[in-house]
Every structure is written in structure tokens, then in C-alpha cells.
């Protein structure tokens, strides 16, 4: 009877996690692309800016305005989420209610978790 090599099993799991990680990276890139495409639509941009009176919701600045997700797109970057769940959440995250106008400096502070 042949003994099983424990190193082969370990190598298999390492290989499997590398494949999983690269698939996850590709999926995350697609999620980010879908989100960016939605925000960059001229009608969406103009609606959000108009709704928020062309000013940052944090500091009321009217310069260097950007559109930001309240619930971040990065919350979908989880390898354990099922595709159906991601599609549903993506629709929720890309809703007009989840978008806000922020100036560039407030947006950067928010993404760093300092606001």
C-alpha cells in the first residue's frame, strides 16, 4: 500500500487558493468597472449633482466634485459571495439613493476612513 504524500495535498491547496485569488481579482475588477460605467453616465452624473445642489455634502465646497458610493463597492469584494447575491447587491449599490456628491478631498478622507 502506497503512503499519501502530505506535501502533495498542501501543494494542491496552495494552487487552489492561487486560482481562487486570481478569479476573485478578475471578478472584483468587473464589479468596479460596472460601477464606474454607471456613475459616468451623463444623466446619472447630472442628476446626482443637481440633487445635491452642486456642492459637497460634507463641507459644502463646490470645487473638484466627485460622485461617491455611500455603501462602498468594495463591500462586494469577497470570494465567498454567490453570483446571484452579488448581482442583487450591485443593483442596490448602484442605485441613485446610494450615490452622493463629495469634493475630492472629502472623498479621499472618506475612503481612508478618517471622515
C-alpha atoms as a PDB file:
ATOM      1  CA  UNK A   1       0.000   0.000   0.000  1.00  0.00           C
ATOM      2  CA  UNK A   2       1.304   3.395  -1.037  1.00  0.00           C
ATOM      3  CA  UNK A   3       1.515   6.177   1.573  1.00  0.00           C
ATOM      4  CA  UNK A   4      -0.085   9.510   0.748  1.00  0.00           C
ATOM      5  CA  UNK A   5       2.290  12.373   0.488  1.00  0.00           C
ATOM      6  CA  UNK A   6       1.094  15.195   2.785  1.00  0.00           C
ATOM      7  CA  UNK A   7       3.143  17.731   0.815  1.00  0.00           C
ATOM      8  CA  UNK A   8       1.228  16.976  -2.356  1.00  0.00           C
ATOM      9  CA  UNK A   9      -2.028  17.772  -0.555  1.00  0.00           C
ATOM     10  CA  UNK A  10      -0.540  21.013   0.771  1.00  0.00           C
ATOM     11  CA  UNK A  11       0.649  21.965  -2.712  1.00  0.00           C
ATOM     12  CA  UNK A  12      -2.821  21.298  -4.092  1.00  0.00           C
ATOM     13  CA  UNK A  13      -4.430  23.665  -1.597  1.00  0.00           C
ATOM     14  CA  UNK A  14      -1.872  26.362  -2.309  1.00  0.00           C
ATOM     15  CA  UNK A  15      -2.522  26.029  -6.035  1.00  0.00           C
ATOM     16  CA  UNK A  16      -6.282  26.087  -5.464  1.00  0.00           C
ATOM     17  CA  UNK A  17      -6.092  29.287  -3.409  1.00  0.00           C
ATOM     18  CA  UNK A  18      -3.965  30.990  -6.084  1.00  0.00           C
ATOM     19  CA  UNK A  19      -6.558  30.170  -8.726  1.00  0.00           C
ATOM     20  CA  UNK A  20      -9.323  31.347  -6.429  1.00  0.00           C
ATOM     21  CA  UNK A  21      -7.462  34.593  -5.725  1.00  0.00           C
ATOM     22  CA  UNK A  22      -6.926  35.372  -9.407  1.00  0.00           C
ATOM     23  CA  UNK A  23     -10.574  34.631 -10.251  1.00  0.00           C
ATOM     24  CA  UNK A  24     -11.591  36.855  -7.356  1.00  0.00           C
ATOM     25  CA  UNK A  25      -9.361  39.675  -8.646  1.00  0.00           C
ATOM     26  CA  UNK A  26     -10.926  39.432 -12.103  1.00  0.00           C
ATOM     27  CA  UNK A  27     -14.429  39.466 -10.604  1.00  0.00           C
ATOM     28  CA  UNK A  28     -13.579  42.494  -8.436  1.00  0.00           C
ATOM     29  CA  UNK A  29     -12.255  44.340 -11.490  1.00  0.00           C
ATOM     30  CA  UNK A  30     -15.519  43.631 -13.336  1.00  0.00           C
ATOM     31  CA  UNK A  31     -17.601  44.812 -10.370  1.00  0.00           C
ATOM     32  CA  UNK A  32     -15.610  48.048 -10.207  1.00  0.00           C
ATOM     33  CA  UNK A  33     -15.969  48.521 -13.983  1.00  0.00           C
ATOM     34  CA  UNK A  34     -19.743  48.070 -13.884  1.00  0.00           C
ATOM     35  CA  UNK A  35     -19.960  50.587 -11.061  1.00  0.00           C
ATOM     36  CA  UNK A  36     -17.764  53.137 -12.823  1.00  0.00           C
ATOM     37  CA  UNK A  37     -19.766  52.799 -16.025  1.00  0.00           C
ATOM     38  CA  UNK A  38     -22.966  53.522 -14.132  1.00  0.00           C
ATOM     39  CA  UNK A  39     -21.607  56.600 -12.343  1.00  0.00           C
ATOM     40  CA  UNK A  40     -20.024  58.010 -15.515  1.00  0.00           C
ATOM     41  CA  UNK A  41     -23.291  58.104 -17.439  1.00  0.00           C
ATOM     42  CA  UNK A  42     -24.002  61.785 -18.144  1.00  0.00           C
ATOM     43  CA  UNK A  43     -27.638  61.559 -16.988  1.00  0.00           C
ATOM     44  CA  UNK A  44     -26.667  59.901 -13.713  1.00  0.00           C
ATOM     45  CA  UNK A  45     -23.916  62.446 -13.027  1.00  0.00           C
ATOM     46  CA  UNK A  46     -26.111  65.428 -13.781  1.00  0.00           C
ATOM     47  CA  UNK A  47     -28.979  64.044 -11.676  1.00  0.00           C
ATOM     48  CA  UNK A  48     -26.748  63.450  -8.616  1.00  0.00           C
ATOM     49  CA  UNK A  49     -25.048  66.866  -8.909  1.00  0.00           C
ATOM     50  CA  UNK A  50     -28.401  68.612  -9.344  1.00  0.00           C
ATOM     51  CA  UNK A  51     -29.988  66.721  -6.449  1.00  0.00           C
ATOM     52  CA  UNK A  52     -27.087  67.684  -4.172  1.00  0.00           C
ATOM     53  CA  UNK A  53     -27.060  71.342  -5.367  1.00  0.00           C
ATOM     54  CA  UNK A  54     -23.594  71.053  -6.955  1.00  0.00           C
ATOM     55  CA  UNK A  55     -21.919  71.040  -3.545  1.00  0.00           C
ATOM     56  CA  UNK A  56     -20.099  68.568  -1.317  1.00  0.00           C
ATOM     57  CA  UNK A  57     -22.422  67.046   1.252  1.00  0.00           C
ATOM     58  CA  UNK A  58     -19.690  67.092   3.932  1.00  0.00           C
ATOM     59  CA  UNK A  59     -18.059  70.518   3.589  1.00  0.00           C
ATOM     60  CA  UNK A  60     -20.333  72.388   1.099  1.00  0.00           C
ATOM     61  CA  UNK A  61     -17.425  73.031  -1.259  1.00  0.00           C
ATOM     62  CA  UNK A  62     -18.322  73.496  -4.924  1.00  0.00           C
ATOM     63  CA  UNK A  63     -14.899  72.691  -6.371  1.00  0.00           C
ATOM     64  CA  UNK A  64     -13.479  69.338  -7.563  1.00  0.00           C
ATOM     65  CA  UNK A  65     -16.765  67.475  -7.131  1.00  0.00           C
ATOM     66  CA  UNK A  66     -16.940  63.694  -7.422  1.00  0.00           C
ATOM     67  CA  UNK A  67     -19.663  61.105  -7.049  1.00  0.00           C
ATOM     68  CA  UNK A  68     -19.209  58.613  -4.240  1.00  0.00           C
ATOM     69  CA  UNK A  69     -20.963  55.424  -3.134  1.00  0.00           C
ATOM     70  CA  UNK A  70     -22.350  55.592   0.414  1.00  0.00           C
ATOM     71  CA  UNK A  71     -22.193  51.782   0.703  1.00  0.00           C
ATOM     72  CA  UNK A  72     -18.831  51.123  -0.972  1.00  0.00           C
ATOM     73  CA  UNK A  73     -18.398  48.892  -4.000  1.00  0.00           C
ATOM     74  CA  UNK A  74     -15.530  47.228  -2.116  1.00  0.00           C
ATOM     75  CA  UNK A  75     -18.057  45.594   0.194  1.00  0.00           C
ATOM     76  CA  UNK A  76     -18.696  43.144  -2.670  1.00  0.00           C
ATOM     77  CA  UNK A  77     -15.028  42.103  -2.881  1.00  0.00           C
ATOM     78  CA  UNK A  78     -15.491  38.815  -1.044  1.00  0.00           C
ATOM     79  CA  UNK A  79     -14.606  35.489  -2.615  1.00  0.00           C
ATOM     80  CA  UNK A  80     -17.352  33.664  -0.691  1.00  0.00           C
ATOM     81  CA  UNK A  81     -20.286  35.617  -2.130  1.00  0.00           C
ATOM     82  CA  UNK A  82     -22.521  33.859  -4.653  1.00  0.00           C
ATOM     83  CA  UNK A  83     -23.055  35.416  -8.097  1.00  0.00           C
ATOM     84  CA  UNK A  84     -26.821  35.929  -7.601  1.00  0.00           C
ATOM     85  CA  UNK A  85     -26.186  37.756  -4.332  1.00  0.00           C
ATOM     86  CA  UNK A  86     -23.524  39.952  -5.955  1.00  0.00           C
ATOM     87  CA  UNK A  87     -25.847  40.935  -8.823  1.00  0.00           C
ATOM     88  CA  UNK A  88     -28.593  41.896  -6.361  1.00  0.00           C
ATOM     89  CA  UNK A  89     -26.190  43.886  -4.190  1.00  0.00           C
ATOM     90  CA  UNK A  90     -24.631  45.539  -7.253  1.00  0.00           C
ATOM     91  CA  UNK A  91     -28.059  46.832  -8.262  1.00  0.00           C
ATOM     92  CA  UNK A  92     -28.564  48.129  -4.723  1.00  0.00           C
ATOM     93  CA  UNK A  93     -25.118  49.734  -4.548  1.00  0.00           C
ATOM     94  CA  UNK A  94     -25.536  51.400  -7.945  1.00  0.00           C
ATOM     95  CA  UNK A  95     -28.904  52.905  -7.057  1.00  0.00           C
ATOM     96  CA  UNK A  96     -29.280  56.685  -7.109  1.00  0.00           C
ATOM     97  CA  UNK A  97     -30.022  56.659  -3.372  1.00  0.00           C
ATOM     98  CA  UNK A  98     -26.597  55.184  -2.682  1.00  0.00           C
ATOM     99  CA  UNK A  99     -24.712  57.919  -4.534  1.00  0.00           C
ATOM    100  CA  UNK A 100     -23.644  61.260  -3.100  1.00  0.00           C
ATOM    101  CA  UNK A 101     -21.689  64.303  -4.181  1.00  0.00           C
ATOM    102  CA  UNK A 102     -18.376  64.846  -2.395  1.00  0.00           C
ATOM    103  CA  UNK A 103     -15.420  67.070  -3.146  1.00  0.00           C
ATOM    104  CA  UNK A 104     -12.201  65.255  -3.939  1.00  0.00           C
ATOM    105  CA  UNK A 105     -10.594  65.889  -0.538  1.00  0.00           C
ATOM    106  CA  UNK A 106     -13.657  64.635   1.409  1.00  0.00           C
ATOM    107  CA  UNK A 107     -13.897  61.599  -0.857  1.00  0.00           C
ATOM    108  CA  UNK A 108     -10.254  60.719  -0.192  1.00  0.00           C
ATOM    109  CA  UNK A 109     -10.714  61.207   3.578  1.00  0.00           C
ATOM    110  CA  UNK A 110     -13.835  59.008   3.488  1.00  0.00           C
ATOM    111  CA  UNK A 111     -12.054  56.229   1.607  1.00  0.00           C
ATOM    112  CA  UNK A 112      -9.228  56.342   4.158  1.00  0.00           C
ATOM    113  CA  UNK A 113     -11.792  56.045   6.958  1.00  0.00           C
ATOM    114  CA  UNK A 114     -10.945  59.408   8.541  1.00  0.00           C
ATOM    115  CA  UNK A 115     -14.300  61.135   7.955  1.00  0.00           C
END
